């Protein structure tokens, strides 16, 4: 996963959201809003696949877009 691109796209989603960091952290099950900042700043190098899926579902974007494998926000993997 391209961590800098994940951080950039996560930050983009945060800016577009009408929710504050505390609300997003609570909704995603993070212990604090500081975790949001670590993801957005690229300081959390161990972003799990399950967290990528959780974040992408929360913001209604494709997980493959979020991790930088496509430029299509709503890319769907087909069988």
PDB file of N, CA and C in Angstrom:
ATOM      1  N   UNK A   1       0.845  -1.181   0.000  1.00  0.00           N
ATOM      2  CA  UNK A   1       0.000   0.000   0.000  1.00  0.00           C
ATOM      3  C   UNK A   1       0.884   1.237   0.000  1.00  0.00           C
ATOM      4  N   UNK A   2       0.556   2.180  -0.820  1.00  0.00           N
ATOM      5  CA  UNK A   2       1.274   3.450  -0.857  1.00  0.00           C
ATOM      6  C   UNK A   2       0.770   4.302   0.312  1.00  0.00           C
ATOM      7  N   UNK A   3       1.531   4.312   1.399  1.00  0.00           N
ATOM      8  CA  UNK A   3       1.082   4.947   2.629  1.00  0.00           C
ATOM      9  C   UNK A   3       0.842   6.448   2.465  1.00  0.00           C
ATOM     10  N   UNK A   4       1.685   7.135   1.684  1.00  0.00           N
ATOM     11  CA  UNK A   4       1.489   8.569   1.494  1.00  0.00           C
ATOM     12  C   UNK A   4       0.201   8.860   0.736  1.00  0.00           C
ATOM     13  N   UNK A   5      -0.122   8.025  -0.231  1.00  0.00           N
ATOM     14  CA  UNK A   5      -1.357   8.213  -0.978  1.00  0.00           C
ATOM     15  C   UNK A   5      -2.568   7.900  -0.105  1.00  0.00           C
ATOM     16  N   UNK A   6      -2.466   6.860   0.713  1.00  0.00           N
ATOM     17  CA  UNK A   6      -3.543   6.570   1.675  1.00  0.00           C
ATOM     18  C   UNK A   6      -3.760   7.781   2.576  1.00  0.00           C
ATOM     19  N   UNK A   7      -2.688   8.320   3.137  1.00  0.00           N
ATOM     20  CA  UNK A   7      -2.804   9.471   4.039  1.00  0.00           C
ATOM     21  C   UNK A   7      -3.423  10.667   3.315  1.00  0.00           C
ATOM     22  N   UNK A   8      -2.989  10.909   2.089  1.00  0.00           N
ATOM     23  CA  UNK A   8      -3.514  12.031   1.302  1.00  0.00           C
ATOM     24  C   UNK A   8      -5.018  11.857   1.052  1.00  0.00           C
ATOM     25  N   UNK A   9      -5.407  10.658   0.662  1.00  0.00           N
ATOM     26  CA  UNK A   9      -6.816  10.416   0.352  1.00  0.00           C
ATOM     27  C   UNK A   9      -7.676  10.400   1.612  1.00  0.00           C
ATOM     28  N   UNK A  10      -7.133   9.883   2.707  1.00  0.00           N
ATOM     29  CA  UNK A  10      -7.857   9.902   3.972  1.00  0.00           C
ATOM     30  C   UNK A  10      -8.075  11.349   4.412  1.00  0.00           C
ATOM     31  N   UNK A  11      -7.054  12.176   4.282  1.00  0.00           N
ATOM     32  CA  UNK A  11      -7.166  13.598   4.619  1.00  0.00           C
ATOM     33  C   UNK A  11      -8.223  14.278   3.750  1.00  0.00           C
ATOM     34  N   UNK A  12      -8.231  13.936   2.487  1.00  0.00           N
ATOM     35  CA  UNK A  12      -9.225  14.469   1.551  1.00  0.00           C
ATOM     36  C   UNK A  12     -10.645  14.126   2.027  1.00  0.00           C
ATOM     37  N   UNK A  13     -10.841  12.893   2.443  1.00  0.00           N
ATOM     38  CA  UNK A  13     -12.150  12.464   2.933  1.00  0.00           C
ATOM     39  C   UNK A  13     -12.531  13.202   4.211  1.00  0.00           C
ATOM     40  N   UNK A  14     -11.566  13.402   5.080  1.00  0.00           N
ATOM     41  CA  UNK A  14     -11.828  14.133   6.326  1.00  0.00           C
ATOM     42  C   UNK A  14     -12.275  15.561   6.032  1.00  0.00           C
ATOM     43  N   UNK A  15     -11.596  16.211   5.097  1.00  0.00           N
ATOM     44  CA  UNK A  15     -11.925  17.602   4.748  1.00  0.00           C
ATOM     45  C   UNK A  15     -13.312  17.704   4.127  1.00  0.00           C
ATOM     46  N   UNK A  16     -13.700  16.696   3.353  1.00  0.00           N
ATOM     47  CA  UNK A  16     -15.003  16.707   2.692  1.00  0.00           C
ATOM     48  C   UNK A  16     -16.137  16.369   3.664  1.00  0.00           C
ATOM     49  N   UNK A  17     -15.798  15.725   4.747  1.00  0.00           N
ATOM     50  CA  UNK A  17     -16.798  15.295   5.722  1.00  0.00           C
ATOM     51  C   UNK A  17     -17.332  16.494   6.502  1.00  0.00           C
ATOM     52  N   UNK A  18     -18.577  16.402   6.902  1.00  0.00           N
ATOM     53  CA  UNK A  18     -19.139  17.462   7.735  1.00  0.00           C
ATOM     54  C   UNK A  18     -19.085  17.081   9.216  1.00  0.00           C
ATOM     55  N   UNK A  19     -18.263  16.083   9.535  1.00  0.00           N
ATOM     56  CA  UNK A  19     -18.128  15.618  10.914  1.00  0.00           C
ATOM     57  C   UNK A  19     -16.771  16.031  11.475  1.00  0.00           C
ATOM     58  N   UNK A  20     -16.719  16.192  12.787  1.00  0.00           N
ATOM     59  CA  UNK A  20     -15.444  16.528  13.414  1.00  0.00           C
ATOM     60  C   UNK A  20     -14.654  15.249  13.708  1.00  0.00           C
ATOM     61  N   UNK A  21     -13.378  15.432  14.034  1.00  0.00           N
ATOM     62  CA  UNK A  21     -12.500  14.282  14.271  1.00  0.00           C
ATOM     63  C   UNK A  21     -13.001  13.396  15.403  1.00  0.00           C
ATOM     64  N   UNK A  22     -13.562  14.018  16.453  1.00  0.00           N
ATOM     65  CA  UNK A  22     -14.066  13.231  17.582  1.00  0.00           C
ATOM     66  C   UNK A  22     -15.170  12.285  17.131  1.00  0.00           C
ATOM     67  N   UNK A  23     -16.081  12.786  16.304  1.00  0.00           N
ATOM     68  CA  UNK A  23     -17.196  11.971  15.820  1.00  0.00           C
ATOM     69  C   UNK A  23     -16.703  10.842  14.912  1.00  0.00           C
ATOM     70  N   UNK A  24     -15.800  11.166  14.016  1.00  0.00           N
ATOM     71  CA  UNK A  24     -15.258  10.158  13.101  1.00  0.00           C
ATOM     72  C   UNK A  24     -14.503   9.084  13.893  1.00  0.00           C
ATOM     73  N   UNK A  25     -13.702   9.518  14.855  1.00  0.00           N
ATOM     74  CA  UNK A  25     -12.950   8.563  15.688  1.00  0.00           C
ATOM     75  C   UNK A  25     -13.900   7.621  16.418  1.00  0.00           C
ATOM     76  N   UNK A  26     -14.960   8.176  16.977  1.00  0.00           N
ATOM     77  CA  UNK A  26     -15.939   7.347  17.687  1.00  0.00           C
ATOM     78  C   UNK A  26     -16.634   6.388  16.728  1.00  0.00           C
ATOM     79  N   UNK A  27     -17.030   6.880  15.574  1.00  0.00           N
ATOM     80  CA  UNK A  27     -17.728   6.046  14.588  1.00  0.00           C
ATOM     81  C   UNK A  27     -16.855   4.897  14.079  1.00  0.00           C
ATOM     82  N   UNK A  28     -15.547   5.157  13.946  1.00  0.00           N
ATOM     83  CA  UNK A  28     -14.631   4.137  13.433  1.00  0.00           C
ATOM     84  C   UNK A  28     -14.069   3.241  14.542  1.00  0.00           C
ATOM     85  N   UNK A  29     -14.366   3.586  15.790  1.00  0.00           N
ATOM     86  CA  UNK A  29     -13.898   2.767  16.911  1.00  0.00           C
ATOM     87  C   UNK A  29     -12.470   3.060  17.332  1.00  0.00           C
ATOM     88  N   UNK A  30     -11.959   4.251  16.997  1.00  0.00           N
ATOM     89  CA  UNK A  30     -10.628   4.648  17.435  1.00  0.00           C
ATOM     90  C   UNK A  30     -10.692   5.090  18.892  1.00  0.00           C
ATOM     91  N   UNK A  31      -9.582   4.950  19.599  1.00  0.00           N
ATOM     92  CA  UNK A  31      -9.538   5.344  21.008  1.00  0.00           C
ATOM     93  C   UNK A  31      -9.582   6.855  21.182  1.00  0.00           C
ATOM     94  N   UNK A  32      -9.050   7.575  20.202  1.00  0.00           N
ATOM     95  CA  UNK A  32      -9.038   9.035  20.308  1.00  0.00           C
ATOM     96  C   UNK A  32      -8.954   9.672  18.933  1.00  0.00           C
ATOM     97  N   UNK A  33      -9.197  10.982  18.908  1.00  0.00           N
ATOM     98  CA  UNK A  33      -9.081  11.705  17.639  1.00  0.00           C
ATOM     99  C   UNK A  33      -7.629  11.771  17.183  1.00  0.00           C
ATOM    100  N   UNK A  34      -6.679  11.538  18.108  1.00  0.00           N
ATOM    101  CA  UNK A  34      -5.266  11.515  17.749  1.00  0.00           C
ATOM    102  C   UNK A  34      -4.954  10.433  16.727  1.00  0.00           C
ATOM    103  N   UNK A  35      -5.698   9.340  16.783  1.00  0.00           N
ATOM    104  CA  UNK A  35      -5.503   8.252  15.820  1.00  0.00           C
ATOM    105  C   UNK A  35      -5.853   8.742  14.412  1.00  0.00           C
ATOM    106  N   UNK A  36      -6.893   9.560  14.315  1.00  0.00           N
ATOM    107  CA  UNK A  36      -7.276  10.151  13.023  1.00  0.00           C
ATOM    108  C   UNK A  36      -6.087  10.945  12.473  1.00  0.00           C
ATOM    109  N   UNK A  37      -5.482  11.762  13.315  1.00  0.00           N
ATOM    110  CA  UNK A  37      -4.342  12.572  12.886  1.00  0.00           C
ATOM    111  C   UNK A  37      -3.174  11.708  12.426  1.00  0.00           C
ATOM    112  N   UNK A  38      -2.917  10.604  13.143  1.00  0.00           N
ATOM    113  CA  UNK A  38      -1.821   9.712  12.750  1.00  0.00           C
ATOM    114  C   UNK A  38      -2.069   9.097  11.376  1.00  0.00           C
ATOM    115  N   UNK A  39      -3.295   8.704  11.112  1.00  0.00           N
ATOM    116  CA  UNK A  39      -3.633   8.157   9.783  1.00  0.00           C
ATOM    117  C   UNK A  39      -3.485   9.250   8.722  1.00  0.00           C
ATOM    118  N   UNK A  40      -3.989  10.447   9.019  1.00  0.00           N
ATOM    119  CA  UNK A  40      -3.965  11.539   8.044  1.00  0.00           C
ATOM    120  C   UNK A  40      -2.553  12.038   7.764  1.00  0.00           C
ATOM    121  N   UNK A  41      -1.671  11.961   8.767  1.00  0.00           N
ATOM    122  CA  UNK A  41      -0.297  12.430   8.603  1.00  0.00           C
ATOM    123  C   UNK A  41       0.648  11.348   8.106  1.00  0.00           C
ATOM    124  N   UNK A  42       0.119  10.131   7.907  1.00  0.00           N
ATOM    125  CA  UNK A  42       0.951   9.034   7.439  1.00  0.00           C
ATOM    126  C   UNK A  42       1.870   8.480   8.513  1.00  0.00           C
ATOM    127  N   UNK A  43       1.602   8.812   9.782  1.00  0.00           N
ATOM    128  CA  UNK A  43       2.458   8.349  10.876  1.00  0.00           C
ATOM    129  C   UNK A  43       2.109   6.947  11.341  1.00  0.00           C
ATOM    130  N   UNK A  44       0.927   6.468  10.997  1.00  0.00           N
ATOM    131  CA  UNK A  44       0.556   5.096  11.324  1.00  0.00           C
ATOM    132  C   UNK A  44       0.892   4.243  10.109  1.00  0.00           C
ATOM    133  N   UNK A  45       1.983   3.533  10.182  1.00  0.00           N
ATOM    134  CA  UNK A  45       2.466   2.736   9.042  1.00  0.00           C
ATOM    135  C   UNK A  45       1.790   1.373   8.947  1.00  0.00           C
ATOM    136  N   UNK A  46       1.025   1.000   9.963  1.00  0.00           N
ATOM    137  CA  UNK A  46       0.430  -0.336  10.015  1.00  0.00           C
ATOM    138  C   UNK A  46      -1.087  -0.289   9.849  1.00  0.00           C
ATOM    139  N   UNK A  47      -1.526   0.281   8.751  1.00  0.00           N
ATOM    140  CA  UNK A  47      -2.960   0.333   8.474  1.00  0.00           C
ATOM    141  C   UNK A  47      -3.385  -1.048   7.984  1.00  0.00           C
ATOM    142  N   UNK A  48      -4.284  -1.680   8.727  1.00  0.00           N
ATOM    143  CA  UNK A  48      -4.710  -3.032   8.370  1.00  0.00           C
ATOM    144  C   UNK A  48      -5.738  -3.005   7.245  1.00  0.00           C
ATOM    145  N   UNK A  49      -5.852  -4.120   6.565  1.00  0.00           N
ATOM    146  CA  UNK A  49      -6.850  -4.255   5.505  1.00  0.00           C
ATOM    147  C   UNK A  49      -8.247  -4.051   6.085  1.00  0.00           C
ATOM    148  N   UNK A  50      -8.494  -4.604   7.265  1.00  0.00           N
ATOM    149  CA  UNK A  50      -9.825  -4.446   7.863  1.00  0.00           C
ATOM    150  C   UNK A  50     -10.116  -2.979   8.163  1.00  0.00           C
ATOM    151  N   UNK A  51      -9.099  -2.208   8.546  1.00  0.00           N
ATOM    152  CA  UNK A  51      -9.320  -0.782   8.806  1.00  0.00           C
ATOM    153  C   UNK A  51      -9.540  -0.033   7.497  1.00  0.00           C
ATOM    154  N   UNK A  52      -8.825  -0.409   6.449  1.00  0.00           N
ATOM    155  CA  UNK A  52      -9.041   0.210   5.127  1.00  0.00           C
ATOM    156  C   UNK A  52     -10.491  -0.015   4.698  1.00  0.00           C
ATOM    157  N   UNK A  53     -10.975  -1.224   4.883  1.00  0.00           N
ATOM    158  CA  UNK A  53     -12.353  -1.541   4.505  1.00  0.00           C
ATOM    159  C   UNK A  53     -13.343  -0.755   5.366  1.00  0.00           C
ATOM    160  N   UNK A  54     -13.069  -0.671   6.651  1.00  0.00           N
ATOM    161  CA  UNK A  54     -13.945   0.072   7.565  1.00  0.00           C
ATOM    162  C   UNK A  54     -14.014   1.551   7.175  1.00  0.00           C
ATOM    163  N   UNK A  55     -12.853   2.150   6.906  1.00  0.00           N
ATOM    164  CA  UNK A  55     -12.795   3.558   6.519  1.00  0.00           C
ATOM    165  C   UNK A  55     -13.486   3.773   5.173  1.00  0.00           C
ATOM    166  N   UNK A  56     -13.218   2.899   4.214  1.00  0.00           N
ATOM    167  CA  UNK A  56     -13.818   3.067   2.882  1.00  0.00           C
ATOM    168  C   UNK A  56     -15.340   2.906   2.945  1.00  0.00           C
ATOM    169  N   UNK A  57     -15.807   1.999   3.768  1.00  0.00           N
ATOM    170  CA  UNK A  57     -17.256   1.828   3.932  1.00  0.00           C
ATOM    171  C   UNK A  57     -17.862   3.063   4.588  1.00  0.00           C
ATOM    172  N   UNK A  58     -17.204   3.557   5.604  1.00  0.00           N
ATOM    173  CA  UNK A  58     -17.684   4.733   6.340  1.00  0.00           C
ATOM    174  C   UNK A  58     -17.834   5.948   5.412  1.00  0.00           C
ATOM    175  N   UNK A  59     -16.839   6.144   4.551  1.00  0.00           N
ATOM    176  CA  UNK A  59     -16.853   7.307   3.656  1.00  0.00           C
ATOM    177  C   UNK A  59     -17.439   6.989   2.278  1.00  0.00           C
ATOM    178  N   UNK A  60     -17.911   5.774   2.079  1.00  0.00           N
ATOM    179  CA  UNK A  60     -18.528   5.349   0.826  1.00  0.00           C
ATOM    180  C   UNK A  60     -17.600   5.541  -0.375  1.00  0.00           C
ATOM    181  N   UNK A  61     -16.389   5.020  -0.234  1.00  0.00           N
ATOM    182  CA  UNK A  61     -15.432   5.017  -1.341  1.00  0.00           C
ATOM    183  C   UNK A  61     -14.876   3.601  -1.491  1.00  0.00           C
ATOM    184  N   UNK A  62     -14.244   3.348  -2.596  1.00  0.00           N
ATOM    185  CA  UNK A  62     -13.649   2.042  -2.858  1.00  0.00           C
ATOM    186  C   UNK A  62     -12.366   1.873  -2.034  1.00  0.00           C
ATOM    187  N   UNK A  63     -12.194   0.711  -1.405  1.00  0.00           N
ATOM    188  CA  UNK A  63     -10.943   0.481  -0.673  1.00  0.00           C
ATOM    189  C   UNK A  63      -9.716   0.512  -1.585  1.00  0.00           C
ATOM    190  N   UNK A  64      -9.864   0.080  -2.835  1.00  0.00           N
ATOM    191  CA  UNK A  64      -8.711   0.116  -3.747  1.00  0.00           C
ATOM    192  C   UNK A  64      -8.353   1.542  -4.136  1.00  0.00           C
ATOM    193  N   UNK A  65      -9.328   2.436  -4.144  1.00  0.00           N
ATOM    194  CA  UNK A  65      -9.035   3.861  -4.344  1.00  0.00           C
ATOM    195  C   UNK A  65      -8.297   4.405  -3.122  1.00  0.00           C
ATOM    196  N   UNK A  66      -8.805   4.074  -1.945  1.00  0.00           N
ATOM    197  CA  UNK A  66      -8.232   4.588  -0.703  1.00  0.00           C
ATOM    198  C   UNK A  66      -6.751   4.222  -0.560  1.00  0.00           C
ATOM    199  N   UNK A  67      -6.379   3.027  -0.982  1.00  0.00           N
ATOM    200  CA  UNK A  67      -4.975   2.622  -0.852  1.00  0.00           C
ATOM    201  C   UNK A  67      -4.130   2.960  -2.082  1.00  0.00           C
ATOM    202  N   UNK A  68      -4.749   3.575  -3.077  1.00  0.00           N
ATOM    203  CA  UNK A  68      -3.977   4.103  -4.195  1.00  0.00           C
ATOM    204  C   UNK A  68      -3.819   3.201  -5.398  1.00  0.00           C
ATOM    205  N   UNK A  69      -4.653   2.180  -5.517  1.00  0.00           N
ATOM    206  CA  UNK A  69      -4.521   1.280  -6.667  1.00  0.00           C
ATOM    207  C   UNK A  69      -5.341   1.709  -7.882  1.00  0.00           C
ATOM    208  N   UNK A  70      -6.191   2.703  -7.698  1.00  0.00           N
ATOM    209  CA  UNK A  70      -6.969   3.247  -8.810  1.00  0.00           C
ATOM    210  C   UNK A  70      -7.286   4.709  -8.493  1.00  0.00           C
ATOM    211  N   UNK A  71      -7.616   5.465  -9.532  1.00  0.00           N
ATOM    212  CA  UNK A  71      -8.031   6.850  -9.333  1.00  0.00           C
ATOM    213  C   UNK A  71      -9.552   6.974  -9.326  1.00  0.00           C
ATOM    214  N   UNK A  72     -10.244   5.855  -9.468  1.00  0.00           N
ATOM    215  CA  UNK A  72     -11.708   5.825  -9.470  1.00  0.00           C
ATOM    216  C   UNK A  72     -12.197   5.616  -8.037  1.00  0.00           C
ATOM    217  N   UNK A  73     -12.780   6.655  -7.454  1.00  0.00           N
ATOM    218  CA  UNK A  73     -13.254   6.597  -6.063  1.00  0.00           C
ATOM    219  C   UNK A  73     -14.250   5.475  -5.791  1.00  0.00           C
ATOM    220  N   UNK A  74     -14.991   5.101  -6.797  1.00  0.00           N
ATOM    221  CA  UNK A  74     -16.055   4.115  -6.605  1.00  0.00           C
ATOM    222  C   UNK A  74     -15.794   2.829  -7.400  1.00  0.00           C
ATOM    223  N   UNK A  75     -14.512   2.536  -7.598  1.00  0.00           N
ATOM    224  CA  UNK A  75     -14.108   1.329  -8.328  1.00  0.00           C
ATOM    225  C   UNK A  75     -14.686   0.080  -7.652  1.00  0.00           C
ATOM    226  N   UNK A  76     -15.247  -0.795  -8.461  1.00  0.00           N
ATOM    227  CA  UNK A  76     -15.810  -2.044  -7.948  1.00  0.00           C
ATOM    228  C   UNK A  76     -15.030  -3.210  -8.551  1.00  0.00           C
ATOM    229  N   UNK A  77     -14.563  -4.088  -7.678  1.00  0.00           N
ATOM    230  CA  UNK A  77     -13.870  -5.285  -8.134  1.00  0.00           C
ATOM    231  C   UNK A  77     -14.922  -6.288  -8.569  1.00  0.00           C
ATOM    232  N   UNK A  78     -14.827  -6.757  -9.805  1.00  0.00           N
ATOM    233  CA  UNK A  78     -15.812  -7.694 -10.332  1.00  0.00           C
ATOM    234  C   UNK A  78     -15.242  -9.093 -10.321  1.00  0.00           C
ATOM    235  N   UNK A  79     -16.129 -10.056 -10.160  1.00  0.00           N
ATOM    236  CA  UNK A  79     -15.721 -11.476 -10.170  1.00  0.00           C
ATOM    237  C   UNK A  79     -15.244 -11.899 -11.536  1.00  0.00           C
TER     238      UNK A  79
END
